[in-house]
Amino acid sequence: MKKIILFLICFGFAVPAFADKGVVVKEDVCGTGNVIIETTDGWYVAAEHYSGVYLYEGDVVFGKLKKYGFTEITRNDGRSGRFYIEDYESNIEDAFEELCD
């Protein structure tokens, strides 16, 4: 039993270590469910919603945020959705442009 609990604790800390972390700073950008996420290292991610959970301003999220294409983004509560990462930019205006062009 102790080994199972130890495994679950280690696994729970290992998964987020390989993911980017961010906060949703804008929701419903130029389309239903599209968001801009500010990562902990200062990038603004333009993400288009495709399925699953919707994200709202203030949500803390995890996932491969700095990669182009489809990815799964997970909220702090464990619910996730499928998003398409259009781009990640150093300023928020460029991220808006990616979602709204």
C-alpha atoms as a PDB file:
ATOM      1  CA  MET A   1       0.000   0.000   0.000  1.00  0.00           C
ATOM      2  CA  LYS A   2       2.822   2.404   0.867  1.00  0.00           C
ATOM      3  CA  LYS A   3       4.450   1.757  -2.520  1.00  0.00           C
ATOM      4  CA  ILE A   4       1.226   2.632  -4.347  1.00  0.00           C
ATOM      5  CA  ILE A   5       0.814   5.876  -2.423  1.00  0.00           C
ATOM      6  CA  LEU A   6       4.479   6.788  -2.995  1.00  0.00           C
ATOM      7  CA  PHE A   7       4.097   6.069  -6.728  1.00  0.00           C
ATOM      8  CA  LEU A   8       0.974   8.252  -6.978  1.00  0.00           C
ATOM      9  CA  ILE A   9       2.660  11.112  -5.149  1.00  0.00           C
ATOM     10  CA  CYS A  10       5.758  10.950  -7.376  1.00  0.00           C
ATOM     11  CA  PHE A  11       3.686  10.648 -10.542  1.00  0.00           C
ATOM     12  CA  GLY A  12       1.508  13.605  -9.497  1.00  0.00           C
ATOM     13  CA  PHE A  13       4.550  15.859  -9.177  1.00  0.00           C
ATOM     14  CA  ALA A  14       6.321  14.566 -12.292  1.00  0.00           C
ATOM     15  CA  VAL A  15       3.577  15.307 -14.846  1.00  0.00           C
ATOM     16  CA  PRO A  16       3.284  19.064 -14.162  1.00  0.00           C
ATOM     17  CA  ALA A  17       7.088  19.333 -14.217  1.00  0.00           C
ATOM     18  CA  PHE A  18       7.058  18.634 -17.972  1.00  0.00           C
ATOM     19  CA  ALA A  19       4.226  21.050 -18.733  1.00  0.00           C
ATOM     20  CA  ASP A  20       4.154  24.788 -19.197  1.00  0.00           C
ATOM     21  CA  LYS A  21       2.086  26.764 -16.700  1.00  0.00           C
ATOM     22  CA  GLY A  22       0.080  29.872 -17.427  1.00  0.00           C
ATOM     23  CA  VAL A  23      -2.908  32.045 -16.578  1.00  0.00           C
ATOM     24  CA  VAL A  24      -5.739  32.884 -18.961  1.00  0.00           C
ATOM     25  CA  VAL A  25      -5.646  36.665 -19.444  1.00  0.00           C
ATOM     26  CA  LYS A  26      -8.328  37.014 -22.168  1.00  0.00           C
ATOM     27  CA  GLU A  27     -11.287  34.781 -23.019  1.00  0.00           C
ATOM     28  CA  ASP A  28     -13.554  34.584 -26.085  1.00  0.00           C
ATOM     29  CA  VAL A  29     -11.040  36.387 -28.291  1.00  0.00           C
ATOM     30  CA  CYS A  30     -12.468  36.774 -31.826  1.00  0.00           C
ATOM     31  CA  GLY A  31     -14.430  33.544 -31.517  1.00  0.00           C
ATOM     32  CA  THR A  32     -16.106  31.284 -29.014  1.00  0.00           C
ATOM     33  CA  GLY A  33     -13.644  29.703 -26.649  1.00  0.00           C
ATOM     34  CA  ASN A  34     -10.456  31.254 -28.041  1.00  0.00           C
ATOM     35  CA  VAL A  35      -8.103  32.442 -25.305  1.00  0.00           C
ATOM     36  CA  ILE A  36      -4.837  34.167 -24.651  1.00  0.00           C
ATOM     37  CA  ILE A  37      -2.692  32.607 -21.950  1.00  0.00           C
ATOM     38  CA  GLU A  38       0.251  34.323 -20.288  1.00  0.00           C
ATOM     39  CA  THR A  39       2.908  31.743 -19.414  1.00  0.00           C
ATOM     40  CA  THR A  40       5.013  31.948 -16.287  1.00  0.00           C
ATOM     41  CA  ASP A  41       8.020  32.885 -18.428  1.00  0.00           C
ATOM     42  CA  GLY A  42       6.238  35.837 -20.071  1.00  0.00           C
ATOM     43  CA  TRP A  43       4.914  34.511 -23.411  1.00  0.00           C
ATOM     44  CA  TYR A  44       1.376  35.189 -24.656  1.00  0.00           C
ATOM     45  CA  VAL A  45      -0.147  32.071 -26.183  1.00  0.00           C
ATOM     46  CA  ALA A  46      -2.925  32.373 -28.794  1.00  0.00           C
ATOM     47  CA  ALA A  47      -5.070  29.235 -28.405  1.00  0.00           C
ATOM     48  CA  GLU A  48      -8.173  28.255 -30.401  1.00  0.00           C
ATOM     49  CA  HIS A  49     -10.752  26.092 -28.622  1.00  0.00           C
ATOM     50  CA  TYR A  50     -11.737  22.851 -30.393  1.00  0.00           C
ATOM     51  CA  SER A  51     -13.342  20.638 -27.748  1.00  0.00           C
ATOM     52  CA  GLY A  52     -13.656  20.008 -24.045  1.00  0.00           C
ATOM     53  CA  VAL A  53     -13.586  22.510 -21.247  1.00  0.00           C
ATOM     54  CA  TYR A  54     -13.778  26.249 -21.894  1.00  0.00           C
ATOM     55  CA  LEU A  55     -11.215  28.463 -20.213  1.00  0.00           C
ATOM     56  CA  TYR A  56     -12.001  31.713 -18.428  1.00  0.00           C
ATOM     57  CA  GLU A  57      -9.939  34.705 -17.321  1.00  0.00           C
ATOM     58  CA  GLY A  58      -7.975  33.870 -14.211  1.00  0.00           C
ATOM     59  CA  ASP A  59      -7.866  30.094 -14.818  1.00  0.00           C
ATOM     60  CA  VAL A  60      -4.483  28.567 -14.047  1.00  0.00           C
ATOM     61  CA  VAL A  61      -3.643  26.081 -16.811  1.00  0.00           C
ATOM     62  CA  PHE A  62      -1.017  23.471 -17.684  1.00  0.00           C
ATOM     63  CA  GLY A  63       0.037  21.860 -20.948  1.00  0.00           C
ATOM     64  CA  LYS A  64       2.456  22.121 -23.835  1.00  0.00           C
ATOM     65  CA  LEU A  65       1.677  25.780 -24.387  1.00  0.00           C
ATOM     66  CA  LYS A  66       4.740  26.709 -26.410  1.00  0.00           C
ATOM     67  CA  LYS A  67       4.290  24.276 -29.281  1.00  0.00           C
ATOM     68  CA  TYR A  68       2.391  24.798 -32.507  1.00  0.00           C
ATOM     69  CA  GLY A  69      -0.643  22.701 -33.361  1.00  0.00           C
ATOM     70  CA  PHE A  70      -3.092  20.691 -31.301  1.00  0.00           C
ATOM     71  CA  THR A  71      -2.500  20.207 -27.591  1.00  0.00           C
ATOM     72  CA  GLU A  72      -4.442  19.394 -24.458  1.00  0.00           C
ATOM     73  CA  ILE A  73      -4.705  22.177 -21.901  1.00  0.00           C
ATOM     74  CA  THR A  74      -5.701  21.295 -18.348  1.00  0.00           C
ATOM     75  CA  ARG A  75      -7.168  23.621 -15.725  1.00  0.00           C
ATOM     76  CA  ASN A  76      -6.210  23.494 -12.060  1.00  0.00           C
ATOM     77  CA  ASP A  77      -9.363  21.472 -11.327  1.00  0.00           C
ATOM     78  CA  GLY A  78      -8.171  18.653 -13.617  1.00  0.00           C
ATOM     79  CA  ARG A  79     -10.646  19.253 -16.454  1.00  0.00           C
ATOM     80  CA  SER A  80      -9.109  19.661 -19.897  1.00  0.00           C
ATOM     81  CA  GLY A  81      -9.842  20.607 -23.465  1.00  0.00           C
ATOM     82  CA  ARG A  82      -8.297  20.341 -26.898  1.00  0.00           C
ATOM     83  CA  PHE A  83      -6.840  23.572 -28.253  1.00  0.00           C
ATOM     84  CA  TYR A  84      -4.902  24.591 -31.326  1.00  0.00           C
ATOM     85  CA  ILE A  85      -1.885  26.763 -30.535  1.00  0.00           C
ATOM     86  CA  GLU A  86      -1.720  29.380 -33.277  1.00  0.00           C
ATOM     87  CA  ASP A  87       1.404  31.039 -31.948  1.00  0.00           C
ATOM     88  CA  TYR A  88       3.116  32.357 -28.856  1.00  0.00           C
ATOM     89  CA  GLU A  89       4.277  35.949 -28.808  1.00  0.00           C
ATOM     90  CA  SER A  90       6.275  38.279 -26.589  1.00  0.00           C
ATOM     91  CA  ASN A  91       3.428  40.836 -26.444  1.00  0.00           C
ATOM     92  CA  ILE A  92      -0.310  40.476 -26.096  1.00  0.00           C
ATOM     93  CA  GLU A  93      -1.202  42.563 -29.165  1.00  0.00           C
ATOM     94  CA  ASP A  94       0.544  40.087 -31.468  1.00  0.00           C
ATOM     95  CA  ALA A  95      -1.309  37.203 -29.805  1.00  0.00           C
ATOM     96  CA  PHE A  96      -4.622  39.010 -30.455  1.00  0.00           C
ATOM     97  CA  GLU A  97      -3.651  39.455 -34.093  1.00  0.00           C
ATOM     98  CA  GLU A  98      -2.982  35.714 -34.454  1.00  0.00           C
ATOM     99  CA  LEU A  99      -6.505  34.856 -33.283  1.00  0.00           C
ATOM    100  CA  CYS A 100      -8.289  37.673 -35.094  1.00  0.00           C
ATOM    101  CA  ASP A 101      -6.748  37.702 -38.598  1.00  0.00           C
END
